[in-house]
Amino acid sequence: MKNISLLEVSALVFAVAVCSITVQANEDPKEKAALEKAKAKMEEKSVKVGHMVAHDKLFAPLDIDSNGVISEQELSMSKNKLLKEQFKKIDRNEDKGISEEELKSFLAKVDVKKNF
């Protein structure tokens, strides 16, 4: 049986919720505005969930010395091939370390199902 990560589940729940809102869309301007407001709230909550997952499940364990930055050396001890391969792309400011913000930005662009 395949283990499913919290990030995958969160992404799936978000996608289903957005699809549900889209399917129920109506041409009534008041209903449309209410649906847009609900969608915005869901996206906001999804970002918060994604951030918690990124920190608790991914960032914190990789930041071995707890200095707030994942170094290439720390990442070399990880089994995460994607992050190892993409280290230089993730490290946008080229300080030879991945900050939590850099990781969060990278994860927002990555296809979760394809890469994790």
PDB file of N, CA and C in Angstrom:
ATOM      1  N   MET A   1       0.847  -1.171   0.000  1.00  0.00           N
ATOM      2  CA  MET A   1       0.000   0.000   0.000  1.00  0.00           C
ATOM      3  C   MET A   1       0.893   1.236   0.000  1.00  0.00           C
ATOM      4  N   LYS A   2       0.578   2.201  -0.846  1.00  0.00           N
ATOM      5  CA  LYS A   2       1.380   3.411  -0.975  1.00  0.00           C
ATOM      6  C   LYS A   2       1.005   4.413   0.116  1.00  0.00           C
ATOM      7  N   ASN A   3       2.007   4.971   0.776  1.00  0.00           N
ATOM      8  CA  ASN A   3       1.770   6.029   1.760  1.00  0.00           C
ATOM      9  C   ASN A   3       1.462   7.326   1.032  1.00  0.00           C
ATOM     10  N   ILE A   4       0.523   8.075   1.547  1.00  0.00           N
ATOM     11  CA  ILE A   4       0.154   9.354   0.963  1.00  0.00           C
ATOM     12  C   ILE A   4       0.545  10.444   1.957  1.00  0.00           C
ATOM     13  N   SER A   5       1.291  11.427   1.473  1.00  0.00           N
ATOM     14  CA  SER A   5       1.733  12.502   2.367  1.00  0.00           C
ATOM     15  C   SER A   5       0.605  13.494   2.624  1.00  0.00           C
ATOM     16  N   LEU A   6       0.761  14.229   3.697  1.00  0.00           N
ATOM     17  CA  LEU A   6      -0.214  15.258   4.053  1.00  0.00           C
ATOM     18  C   LEU A   6      -0.288  16.321   2.965  1.00  0.00           C
ATOM     19  N   LEU A   7       0.826  16.610   2.329  1.00  0.00           N
ATOM     20  CA  LEU A   7       0.858  17.595   1.249  1.00  0.00           C
ATOM     21  C   LEU A   7       0.017  17.124   0.076  1.00  0.00           C
ATOM     22  N   GLU A   8       0.107  15.843  -0.280  1.00  0.00           N
ATOM     23  CA  GLU A   8      -0.699  15.293  -1.368  1.00  0.00           C
ATOM     24  C   GLU A   8      -2.181  15.356  -1.028  1.00  0.00           C
ATOM     25  N   VAL A   9      -2.522  14.992   0.191  1.00  0.00           N
ATOM     26  CA  VAL A   9      -3.919  15.018   0.619  1.00  0.00           C
ATOM     27  C   VAL A   9      -4.446  16.449   0.591  1.00  0.00           C
ATOM     28  N   SER A  10      -3.647  17.394   1.089  1.00  0.00           N
ATOM     29  CA  SER A  10      -4.060  18.804   1.097  1.00  0.00           C
ATOM     30  C   SER A  10      -4.289  19.311  -0.320  1.00  0.00           C
ATOM     31  N   ALA A  11      -3.384  18.957  -1.230  1.00  0.00           N
ATOM     32  CA  ALA A  11      -3.526  19.394  -2.620  1.00  0.00           C
ATOM     33  C   ALA A  11      -4.785  18.792  -3.242  1.00  0.00           C
ATOM     34  N   LEU A  12      -5.059  17.533  -2.952  1.00  0.00           N
ATOM     35  CA  LEU A  12      -6.252  16.879  -3.483  1.00  0.00           C
ATOM     36  C   LEU A  12      -7.523  17.522  -2.937  1.00  0.00           C
ATOM     37  N   VAL A  13      -7.560  17.774  -1.638  1.00  0.00           N
ATOM     38  CA  VAL A  13      -8.732  18.405  -1.020  1.00  0.00           C
ATOM     39  C   VAL A  13      -8.963  19.786  -1.632  1.00  0.00           C
ATOM     40  N   PHE A  14      -7.909  20.534  -1.817  1.00  0.00           N
ATOM     41  CA  PHE A  14      -8.029  21.862  -2.415  1.00  0.00           C
ATOM     42  C   PHE A  14      -8.573  21.763  -3.838  1.00  0.00           C
ATOM     43  N   ALA A  15      -8.028  20.850  -4.632  1.00  0.00           N
ATOM     44  CA  ALA A  15      -8.475  20.694  -6.019  1.00  0.00           C
ATOM     45  C   ALA A  15      -9.949  20.294  -6.088  1.00  0.00           C
ATOM     46  N   VAL A  16     -10.361  19.373  -5.235  1.00  0.00           N
ATOM     47  CA  VAL A  16     -11.757  18.938  -5.221  1.00  0.00           C
ATOM     48  C   VAL A  16     -12.668  20.090  -4.809  1.00  0.00           C
ATOM     49  N   ALA A  17     -12.264  20.855  -3.821  1.00  0.00           N
ATOM     50  CA  ALA A  17     -13.078  21.984  -3.365  1.00  0.00           C
ATOM     51  C   ALA A  17     -13.231  23.026  -4.465  1.00  0.00           C
ATOM     52  N   VAL A  18     -12.142  23.324  -5.170  1.00  0.00           N
ATOM     53  CA  VAL A  18     -12.207  24.301  -6.260  1.00  0.00           C
ATOM     54  C   VAL A  18     -13.111  23.786  -7.377  1.00  0.00           C
ATOM     55  N   CYS A  19     -12.990  22.507  -7.700  1.00  0.00           N
ATOM     56  CA  CYS A  19     -13.859  21.915  -8.723  1.00  0.00           C
ATOM     57  C   CYS A  19     -15.316  21.981  -8.296  1.00  0.00           C
ATOM     58  N   SER A  20     -15.574  21.706  -7.046  1.00  0.00           N
ATOM     59  CA  SER A  20     -16.939  21.754  -6.529  1.00  0.00           C
ATOM     60  C   SER A  20     -17.524  23.153  -6.665  1.00  0.00           C
ATOM     61  N   ILE A  21     -16.744  24.155  -6.338  1.00  0.00           N
ATOM     62  CA  ILE A  21     -17.206  25.540  -6.454  1.00  0.00           C
ATOM     63  C   ILE A  21     -17.457  25.878  -7.923  1.00  0.00           C
ATOM     64  N   THR A  22     -16.571  25.443  -8.798  1.00  0.00           N
ATOM     65  CA  THR A  22     -16.714  25.722 -10.225  1.00  0.00           C
ATOM     66  C   THR A  22     -17.963  25.071 -10.796  1.00  0.00           C
ATOM     67  N   VAL A  23     -18.220  23.842 -10.420  1.00  0.00           N
ATOM     68  CA  VAL A  23     -19.385  23.117 -10.921  1.00  0.00           C
ATOM     69  C   VAL A  23     -20.679  23.781 -10.465  1.00  0.00           C
ATOM     70  N   GLN A  24     -20.681  24.313  -9.271  1.00  0.00           N
ATOM     71  CA  GLN A  24     -21.883  24.918  -8.718  1.00  0.00           C
ATOM     72  C   GLN A  24     -22.059  26.381  -9.131  1.00  0.00           C
ATOM     73  N   ALA A  25     -21.144  26.895  -9.934  1.00  0.00           N
ATOM     74  CA  ALA A  25     -21.187  28.308 -10.308  1.00  0.00           C
ATOM     75  C   ALA A  25     -22.494  28.652 -11.009  1.00  0.00           C
ATOM     76  N   ASN A  26     -22.990  29.826 -10.699  1.00  0.00           N
ATOM     77  CA  ASN A  26     -24.247  30.293 -11.260  1.00  0.00           C
ATOM     78  C   ASN A  26     -24.017  31.696 -11.808  1.00  0.00           C
ATOM     79  N   GLU A  27     -24.851  32.135 -12.738  1.00  0.00           N
ATOM     80  CA  GLU A  27     -24.697  33.455 -13.348  1.00  0.00           C
ATOM     81  C   GLU A  27     -25.196  34.600 -12.469  1.00  0.00           C
ATOM     82  N   ASP A  28     -25.866  34.290 -11.366  1.00  0.00           N
ATOM     83  CA  ASP A  28     -26.352  35.333 -10.465  1.00  0.00           C
ATOM     84  C   ASP A  28     -25.145  36.061  -9.863  1.00  0.00           C
ATOM     85  N   PRO A  29     -25.042  37.377 -10.058  1.00  0.00           N
ATOM     86  CA  PRO A  29     -23.866  38.119  -9.590  1.00  0.00           C
ATOM     87  C   PRO A  29     -23.618  37.988  -8.082  1.00  0.00           C
ATOM     88  N   LYS A  30     -24.685  37.938  -7.284  1.00  0.00           N
ATOM     89  CA  LYS A  30     -24.507  37.816  -5.838  1.00  0.00           C
ATOM     90  C   LYS A  30     -23.912  36.457  -5.486  1.00  0.00           C
ATOM     91  N   GLU A  31     -24.427  35.413  -6.128  1.00  0.00           N
ATOM     92  CA  GLU A  31     -23.904  34.067  -5.871  1.00  0.00           C
ATOM     93  C   GLU A  31     -22.470  33.946  -6.376  1.00  0.00           C
ATOM     94  N   LYS A  32     -22.200  34.545  -7.522  1.00  0.00           N
ATOM     95  CA  LYS A  32     -20.849  34.486  -8.076  1.00  0.00           C
ATOM     96  C   LYS A  32     -19.845  35.174  -7.151  1.00  0.00           C
ATOM     97  N   ALA A  33     -20.245  36.318  -6.593  1.00  0.00           N
ATOM     98  CA  ALA A  33     -19.368  37.042  -5.664  1.00  0.00           C
ATOM     99  C   ALA A  33     -19.125  36.218  -4.406  1.00  0.00           C
ATOM    100  N   ALA A  34     -20.177  35.563  -3.913  1.00  0.00           N
ATOM    101  CA  ALA A  34     -20.038  34.726  -2.716  1.00  0.00           C
ATOM    102  C   ALA A  34     -19.115  33.541  -2.994  1.00  0.00           C
ATOM    103  N   LEU A  35     -19.229  32.961  -4.189  1.00  0.00           N
ATOM    104  CA  LEU A  35     -18.361  31.836  -4.550  1.00  0.00           C
ATOM    105  C   LEU A  35     -16.902  32.279  -4.668  1.00  0.00           C
ATOM    106  N   GLU A  36     -16.679  33.443  -5.250  1.00  0.00           N
ATOM    107  CA  GLU A  36     -15.316  33.963  -5.366  1.00  0.00           C
ATOM    108  C   GLU A  36     -14.705  34.220  -3.986  1.00  0.00           C
ATOM    109  N   LYS A  37     -15.514  34.750  -3.085  1.00  0.00           N
ATOM    110  CA  LYS A  37     -15.046  35.007  -1.715  1.00  0.00           C
ATOM    111  C   LYS A  37     -14.689  33.696  -1.026  1.00  0.00           C
ATOM    112  N   ALA A  38     -15.538  32.676  -1.198  1.00  0.00           N
ATOM    113  CA  ALA A  38     -15.273  31.360  -0.603  1.00  0.00           C
ATOM    114  C   ALA A  38     -14.013  30.743  -1.197  1.00  0.00           C
ATOM    115  N   LYS A  39     -13.839  30.891  -2.494  1.00  0.00           N
ATOM    116  CA  LYS A  39     -12.651  30.353  -3.163  1.00  0.00           C
ATOM    117  C   LYS A  39     -11.380  31.025  -2.631  1.00  0.00           C
ATOM    118  N   ALA A  40     -11.430  32.346  -2.451  1.00  0.00           N
ATOM    119  CA  ALA A  40     -10.277  33.079  -1.927  1.00  0.00           C
ATOM    120  C   ALA A  40      -9.922  32.615  -0.519  1.00  0.00           C
ATOM    121  N   LYS A  41     -10.932  32.388   0.312  1.00  0.00           N
ATOM    122  CA  LYS A  41     -10.681  31.893   1.673  1.00  0.00           C
ATOM    123  C   LYS A  41     -10.030  30.512   1.637  1.00  0.00           C
ATOM    124  N   MET A  42     -10.512  29.652   0.734  1.00  0.00           N
ATOM    125  CA  MET A  42      -9.951  28.307   0.628  1.00  0.00           C
ATOM    126  C   MET A  42      -8.498  28.365   0.188  1.00  0.00           C
ATOM    127  N   GLU A  43      -8.192  29.231  -0.780  1.00  0.00           N
ATOM    128  CA  GLU A  43      -6.814  29.362  -1.245  1.00  0.00           C
ATOM    129  C   GLU A  43      -5.908  29.855  -0.121  1.00  0.00           C
ATOM    130  N   GLU A  44      -6.407  30.786   0.677  1.00  0.00           N
ATOM    131  CA  GLU A  44      -5.633  31.311   1.807  1.00  0.00           C
ATOM    132  C   GLU A  44      -5.332  30.194   2.801  1.00  0.00           C
ATOM    133  N   LYS A  45      -6.343  29.380   3.104  1.00  0.00           N
ATOM    134  CA  LYS A  45      -6.141  28.274   4.041  1.00  0.00           C
ATOM    135  C   LYS A  45      -5.216  27.229   3.452  1.00  0.00           C
ATOM    136  N   SER A  46      -5.291  27.014   2.152  1.00  0.00           N
ATOM    137  CA  SER A  46      -4.418  26.041   1.505  1.00  0.00           C
ATOM    138  C   SER A  46      -2.957  26.471   1.627  1.00  0.00           C
ATOM    139  N   VAL A  47      -2.690  27.748   1.455  1.00  0.00           N
ATOM    140  CA  VAL A  47      -1.321  28.251   1.590  1.00  0.00           C
ATOM    141  C   VAL A  47      -0.829  28.017   3.005  1.00  0.00           C
ATOM    142  N   LYS A  48      -1.684  28.263   4.005  1.00  0.00           N
ATOM    143  CA  LYS A  48      -1.277  28.053   5.388  1.00  0.00           C
ATOM    144  C   LYS A  48      -0.975  26.583   5.641  1.00  0.00           C
ATOM    145  N   VAL A  49      -1.807  25.690   5.127  1.00  0.00           N
ATOM    146  CA  VAL A  49      -1.570  24.253   5.286  1.00  0.00           C
ATOM    147  C   VAL A  49      -0.277  23.864   4.596  1.00  0.00           C
ATOM    148  N   GLY A  50      -0.091  24.363   3.364  1.00  0.00           N
ATOM    149  CA  GLY A  50       1.128  24.061   2.629  1.00  0.00           C
ATOM    150  C   GLY A  50       2.361  24.529   3.374  1.00  0.00           C
ATOM    151  N   HIS A  51       2.274  25.692   3.995  1.00  0.00           N
ATOM    152  CA  HIS A  51       3.401  26.227   4.754  1.00  0.00           C
ATOM    153  C   HIS A  51       3.715  25.330   5.955  1.00  0.00           C
ATOM    154  N   MET A  52       2.669  24.913   6.678  1.00  0.00           N
ATOM    155  CA  MET A  52       2.889  24.044   7.842  1.00  0.00           C
ATOM    156  C   MET A  52       3.507  22.723   7.410  1.00  0.00           C
ATOM    157  N   VAL A  53       3.003  22.165   6.315  1.00  0.00           N
ATOM    158  CA  VAL A  53       3.539  20.899   5.816  1.00  0.00           C
ATOM    159  C   VAL A  53       4.986  21.087   5.408  1.00  0.00           C
ATOM    160  N   ALA A  54       5.254  22.175   4.675  1.00  0.00           N
ATOM    161  CA  ALA A  54       6.616  22.416   4.213  1.00  0.00           C
ATOM    162  C   ALA A  54       7.576  22.534   5.386  1.00  0.00           C
ATOM    163  N   HIS A  55       7.163  23.203   6.448  1.00  0.00           N
ATOM    164  CA  HIS A  55       8.061  23.379   7.580  1.00  0.00           C
ATOM    165  C   HIS A  55       8.158  22.124   8.432  1.00  0.00           C
ATOM    166  N   ASP A  56       7.033  21.600   8.869  1.00  0.00           N
ATOM    167  CA  ASP A  56       7.040  20.480   9.804  1.00  0.00           C
ATOM    168  C   ASP A  56       7.529  19.177   9.186  1.00  0.00           C
ATOM    169  N   LYS A  57       7.140  18.917   7.972  1.00  0.00           N
ATOM    170  CA  LYS A  57       7.453  17.632   7.350  1.00  0.00           C
ATOM    171  C   LYS A  57       8.682  17.666   6.471  1.00  0.00           C
ATOM    172  N   LEU A  58       9.062  18.825   5.986  1.00  0.00           N
ATOM    173  CA  LEU A  58      10.161  18.881   5.043  1.00  0.00           C
ATOM    174  C   LEU A  58      11.301  19.779   5.517  1.00  0.00           C
ATOM    175  N   PHE A  59      11.004  21.007   5.845  1.00  0.00           N
ATOM    176  CA  PHE A  59      12.075  21.946   6.173  1.00  0.00           C
ATOM    177  C   PHE A  59      12.779  21.600   7.480  1.00  0.00           C
ATOM    178  N   ALA A  60      12.020  21.473   8.554  1.00  0.00           N
ATOM    179  CA  ALA A  60      12.620  21.250   9.880  1.00  0.00           C
ATOM    180  C   ALA A  60      13.525  20.017   9.929  1.00  0.00           C
ATOM    181  N   PRO A  61      13.102  18.867   9.397  1.00  0.00           N
ATOM    182  CA  PRO A  61      13.987  17.697   9.448  1.00  0.00           C
ATOM    183  C   PRO A  61      15.268  17.865   8.621  1.00  0.00           C
ATOM    184  N   LEU A  62      15.221  18.656   7.563  1.00  0.00           N
ATOM    185  CA  LEU A  62      16.406  18.853   6.726  1.00  0.00           C
ATOM    186  C   LEU A  62      17.365  19.884   7.314  1.00  0.00           C
ATOM    187  N   ASP A  63      16.840  20.804   8.093  1.00  0.00           N
ATOM    188  CA  ASP A  63      17.659  21.837   8.730  1.00  0.00           C
ATOM    189  C   ASP A  63      18.240  21.259  10.017  1.00  0.00           C
ATOM    190  N   ILE A  64      19.234  20.432   9.865  1.00  0.00           N
ATOM    191  CA  ILE A  64      19.789  19.644  10.976  1.00  0.00           C
ATOM    192  C   ILE A  64      20.335  20.533  12.099  1.00  0.00           C
ATOM    193  N   ASP A  65      21.013  21.621  11.740  1.00  0.00           N
ATOM    194  CA  ASP A  65      21.578  22.482  12.779  1.00  0.00           C
ATOM    195  C   ASP A  65      20.605  23.574  13.248  1.00  0.00           C
ATOM    196  N   SER A  66      19.383  23.546  12.747  1.00  0.00           N
ATOM    197  CA  SER A  66      18.305  24.472  13.151  1.00  0.00           C
ATOM    198  C   SER A  66      18.698  25.947  13.046  1.00  0.00           C
ATOM    199  N   ASN A  67      19.442  26.284  11.993  1.00  0.00           N
ATOM    200  CA  ASN A  67      19.840  27.684  11.804  1.00  0.00           C
ATOM    201  C   ASN A  67      18.924  28.430  10.836  1.00  0.00           C
ATOM    202  N   GLY A  68      17.856  27.771  10.369  1.00  0.00           N
ATOM    203  CA  GLY A  68      16.903  28.416   9.474  1.00  0.00           C
ATOM    204  C   GLY A  68      17.269  28.335   8.013  1.00  0.00           C
ATOM    205  N   VAL A  69      18.343  27.601   7.689  1.00  0.00           N
ATOM    206  CA  VAL A  69      18.796  27.452   6.307  1.00  0.00           C
ATOM    207  C   VAL A  69      19.227  25.996   6.092  1.00  0.00           C
ATOM    208  N   ILE A  70      18.815  25.433   4.955  1.00  0.00           N
ATOM    209  CA  ILE A  70      19.239  24.072   4.603  1.00  0.00           C
ATOM    210  C   ILE A  70      20.445  24.199   3.685  1.00  0.00           C
ATOM    211  N   SER A  71      21.579  23.683   4.138  1.00  0.00           N
ATOM    212  CA  SER A  71      22.804  23.735   3.335  1.00  0.00           C
ATOM    213  C   SER A  71      22.858  22.531   2.402  1.00  0.00           C
ATOM    214  N   GLU A  72      23.752  22.591   1.421  1.00  0.00           N
ATOM    215  CA  GLU A  72      23.929  21.442   0.522  1.00  0.00           C
ATOM    216  C   GLU A  72      24.391  20.223   1.314  1.00  0.00           C
ATOM    217  N   GLN A  73      25.205  20.441   2.322  1.00  0.00           N
ATOM    218  CA  GLN A  73      25.687  19.334   3.146  1.00  0.00           C
ATOM    219  C   GLN A  73      24.528  18.675   3.897  1.00  0.00           C
ATOM    220  N   GLU A  74      23.654  19.481   4.468  1.00  0.00           N
ATOM    221  CA  GLU A  74      22.492  18.935   5.172  1.00  0.00           C
ATOM    222  C   GLU A  74      21.594  18.178   4.191  1.00  0.00           C
ATOM    223  N   LEU A  75      21.407  18.750   3.013  1.00  0.00           N
ATOM    224  CA  LEU A  75      20.550  18.130   2.010  1.00  0.00           C
ATOM    225  C   LEU A  75      21.160  16.838   1.471  1.00  0.00           C
ATOM    226  N   SER A  76      22.486  16.742   1.464  1.00  0.00           N
ATOM    227  CA  SER A  76      23.143  15.536   0.969  1.00  0.00           C
ATOM    228  C   SER A  76      22.825  14.315   1.833  1.00  0.00           C
ATOM    229  N   MET A  77      22.417  14.541   3.076  1.00  0.00           N
ATOM    230  CA  MET A  77      22.054  13.435   3.967  1.00  0.00           C
ATOM    231  C   MET A  77      20.593  13.009   3.778  1.00  0.00           C
ATOM    232  N   SER A  78      19.864  13.739   2.955  1.00  0.00           N
ATOM    233  CA  SER A  78      18.448  13.473   2.722  1.00  0.00           C
ATOM    234  C   SER A  78      18.261  12.466   1.597  1.00  0.00           C
ATOM    235  N   LYS A  79      17.084  11.858   1.561  1.00  0.00           N
ATOM    236  CA  LYS A  79      16.725  10.949   0.479  1.00  0.00           C
ATOM    237  C   LYS A  79      15.938  11.674  -0.613  1.00  0.00           C
ATOM    238  N   ASN A  80      15.698  12.953  -0.456  1.00  0.00           N
ATOM    239  CA  ASN A  80      14.875  13.703  -1.388  1.00  0.00           C
ATOM    240  C   ASN A  80      15.682  14.095  -2.630  1.00  0.00           C
ATOM    241  N   LYS A  81      15.526  13.315  -3.694  1.00  0.00           N
ATOM    242  CA  LYS A  81      16.282  13.540  -4.927  1.00  0.00           C
ATOM    243  C   LYS A  81      15.923  14.867  -5.592  1.00  0.00           C
ATOM    244  N   LEU A  82      14.644  15.203  -5.582  1.00  0.00           N
ATOM    245  CA  LEU A  82      14.203  16.430  -6.244  1.00  0.00           C
ATOM    246  C   LEU A  82      14.894  17.656  -5.656  1.00  0.00           C
ATOM    247  N   LEU A  83      14.920  17.762  -4.343  1.00  0.00           N
ATOM    248  CA  LEU A  83      15.545  18.927  -3.716  1.00  0.00           C
ATOM    249  C   LEU A  83      17.050  18.941  -3.968  1.00  0.00           C
ATOM    250  N   LYS A  84      17.673  17.773  -3.957  1.00  0.00           N
ATOM    251  CA  LYS A  84      19.116  17.718  -4.236  1.00  0.00           C
ATOM    252  C   LYS A  84      19.409  18.201  -5.654  1.00  0.00           C
ATOM    253  N   GLU A  85      18.615  17.699  -6.610  1.00  0.00           N
ATOM    254  CA  GLU A  85      18.828  18.052  -8.017  1.00  0.00           C
ATOM    255  C   GLU A  85      18.533  19.529  -8.289  1.00  0.00           C
ATOM    256  N   GLN A  86      17.595  20.087  -7.568  1.00  0.00           N
ATOM    257  CA  GLN A  86      17.143  21.451  -7.829  1.00  0.00           C
ATOM    258  C   GLN A  86      17.723  22.480  -6.849  1.00  0.00           C
ATOM    259  N   PHE A  87      18.729  22.102  -6.080  1.00  0.00           N
ATOM    260  CA  PHE A  87      19.258  22.970  -5.026  1.00  0.00           C
ATOM    261  C   PHE A  87      19.570  24.381  -5.541  1.00  0.00           C
ATOM    262  N   LYS A  88      20.324  24.465  -6.616  1.00  0.00           N
ATOM    263  CA  LYS A  88      20.733  25.785  -7.123  1.00  0.00           C
ATOM    264  C   LYS A  88      19.545  26.593  -7.629  1.00  0.00           C
ATOM    265  N   LYS A  89      18.541  25.919  -8.168  1.00  0.00           N
ATOM    266  CA  LYS A  89      17.338  26.606  -8.635  1.00  0.00           C
ATOM    267  C   LYS A  89      16.514  27.114  -7.447  1.00  0.00           C
ATOM    268  N   ILE A  90      16.451  26.338  -6.382  1.00  0.00           N
ATOM    269  CA  ILE A  90      15.689  26.715  -5.193  1.00  0.00           C
ATOM    270  C   ILE A  90      16.377  27.874  -4.473  1.00  0.00           C
ATOM    271  N   ASP A  91      17.701  27.839  -4.412  1.00  0.00           N
ATOM    272  CA  ASP A  91      18.497  28.876  -3.735  1.00  0.00           C
ATOM    273  C   ASP A  91      18.570  30.124  -4.619  1.00  0.00           C
ATOM    274  N   ARG A  92      17.492  30.874  -4.632  1.00  0.00           N
ATOM    275  CA  ARG A  92      17.371  32.022  -5.536  1.00  0.00           C
ATOM    276  C   ARG A  92      18.383  33.125  -5.266  1.00  0.00           C
ATOM    277  N   ASN A  93      18.733  33.342  -4.007  1.00  0.00           N
ATOM    278  CA  ASN A  93      19.679  34.414  -3.697  1.00  0.00           C
ATOM    279  C   ASN A  93      21.136  33.942  -3.721  1.00  0.00           C
ATOM    280  N   GLU A  94      21.341  32.689  -4.076  1.00  0.00           N
ATOM    281  CA  GLU A  94      22.674  32.096  -4.257  1.00  0.00           C
ATOM    282  C   GLU A  94      23.579  32.261  -3.039  1.00  0.00           C
ATOM    283  N   ASP A  95      23.006  32.077  -1.847  1.00  0.00           N
ATOM    284  CA  ASP A  95      23.809  32.163  -0.625  1.00  0.00           C
ATOM    285  C   ASP A  95      24.243  30.784  -0.132  1.00  0.00           C
ATOM    286  N   LYS A  96      24.109  29.790  -0.999  1.00  0.00           N
ATOM    287  CA  LYS A  96      24.498  28.403  -0.719  1.00  0.00           C
ATOM    288  C   LYS A  96      23.683  27.779   0.400  1.00  0.00           C
ATOM    289  N   GLY A  97      22.431  28.227   0.509  1.00  0.00           N
ATOM    290  CA  GLY A  97      21.515  27.674   1.491  1.00  0.00           C
ATOM    291  C   GLY A  97      20.082  27.942   1.072  1.00  0.00           C
ATOM    292  N   ILE A  98      19.175  27.055   1.468  1.00  0.00           N
ATOM    293  CA  ILE A  98      17.764  27.213   1.142  1.00  0.00           C
ATOM    294  C   ILE A  98      17.028  27.694   2.382  1.00  0.00           C
ATOM    295  N   SER A  99      16.449  28.874   2.275  1.00  0.00           N
ATOM    296  CA  SER A  99      15.649  29.392   3.389  1.00  0.00           C
ATOM    297  C   SER A  99      14.251  28.784   3.304  1.00  0.00           C
ATOM    298  N   GLU A 100      13.496  28.962   4.364  1.00  0.00           N
ATOM    299  CA  GLU A 100      12.124  28.445   4.384  1.00  0.00           C
ATOM    300  C   GLU A 100      11.288  29.109   3.294  1.00  0.00           C
ATOM    301  N   GLU A 101      11.495  30.400   3.088  1.00  0.00           N
ATOM    302  CA  GLU A 101      10.742  31.122   2.041  1.00  0.00           C
ATOM    303  C   GLU A 101      11.098  30.606   0.655  1.00  0.00           C
ATOM    304  N   GLU A 102      12.377  30.336   0.410  1.00  0.00           N
ATOM    305  CA  GLU A 102      12.791  29.808  -0.884  1.00  0.00           C
ATOM    306  C   GLU A 102      12.170  28.435  -1.125  1.00  0.00           C
ATOM    307  N   LEU A 103      12.152  27.606  -0.089  1.00  0.00           N
ATOM    308  CA  LEU A 103      11.554  26.274  -0.212  1.00  0.00           C
ATOM    309  C   LEU A 103      10.062  26.387  -0.459  1.00  0.00           C
ATOM    310  N   LYS A 104       9.394  27.258   0.273  1.00  0.00           N
ATOM    311  CA  LYS A 104       7.951  27.436   0.117  1.00  0.00           C
ATOM    312  C   LYS A 104       7.636  27.922  -1.301  1.00  0.00           C
ATOM    313  N   SER A 105       8.407  28.848  -1.810  1.00  0.00           N
ATOM    314  CA  SER A 105       8.208  29.364  -3.164  1.00  0.00           C
ATOM    315  C   SER A 105       8.395  28.250  -4.195  1.00  0.00           C
ATOM    316  N   PHE A 106       9.418  27.431  -4.012  1.00  0.00           N
ATOM    317  CA  PHE A 106       9.677  26.319  -4.926  1.00  0.00           C
ATOM    318  C   PHE A 106       8.533  25.309  -4.886  1.00  0.00           C
ATOM    319  N   LEU A 107       8.074  24.954  -3.694  1.00  0.00           N
ATOM    320  CA  LEU A 107       7.002  23.968  -3.563  1.00  0.00           C
ATOM    321  C   LEU A 107       5.700  24.457  -4.191  1.00  0.00           C
ATOM    322  N   ALA A 108       5.487  25.760  -4.181  1.00  0.00           N
ATOM    323  CA  ALA A 108       4.267  26.305  -4.791  1.00  0.00           C
ATOM    324  C   ALA A 108       4.262  26.105  -6.296  1.00  0.00           C
ATOM    325  N   LYS A 109       5.439  25.962  -6.899  1.00  0.00           N
ATOM    326  CA  LYS A 109       5.557  25.815  -8.343  1.00  0.00           C
ATOM    327  C   LYS A 109       5.660  24.358  -8.778  1.00  0.00           C
ATOM    328  N   VAL A 110       5.905  23.446  -7.857  1.00  0.00           N
ATOM    329  CA  VAL A 110       6.162  22.050  -8.189  1.00  0.00           C
ATOM    330  C   VAL A 110       4.862  21.253  -8.285  1.00  0.00           C
ATOM    331  N   ASP A 111       4.804  20.343  -9.242  1.00  0.00           N
ATOM    332  CA  ASP A 111       3.667  19.420  -9.363  1.00  0.00           C
ATOM    333  C   ASP A 111       3.836  18.365  -8.273  1.00  0.00           C
ATOM    334  N   VAL A 112       3.019  18.453  -7.238  1.00  0.00           N
ATOM    335  CA  VAL A 112       3.158  17.602  -6.056  1.00  0.00           C
ATOM    336  C   VAL A 112       3.025  16.131  -6.414  1.00  0.00           C
ATOM    337  N   LYS A 113       2.002  15.755  -7.158  1.00  0.00           N
ATOM    338  CA  LYS A 113       1.769  14.348  -7.480  1.00  0.00           C
ATOM    339  C   LYS A 113       2.926  13.778  -8.289  1.00  0.00           C
ATOM    340  N   LYS A 114       3.492  14.571  -9.184  1.00  0.00           N
ATOM    341  CA  LYS A 114       4.551  14.085 -10.065  1.00  0.00           C
ATOM    342  C   LYS A 114       5.880  13.911  -9.325  1.00  0.00           C
ATOM    343  N   ASN A 115       6.146  14.751  -8.338  1.00  0.00           N
ATOM    344  CA  ASN A 115       7.480  14.791  -7.734  1.00  0.00           C
ATOM    345  C   ASN A 115       7.595  14.263  -6.320  1.00  0.00           C
ATOM    346  N   PHE A 116       6.485  14.033  -5.625  1.00  0.00           N
ATOM    347  CA  PHE A 116       6.603  13.588  -4.239  1.00  0.00           C
ATOM    348  C   PHE A 116       5.839  12.313  -4.037  1.00  0.00           C
TER     349      PHE A 116
END
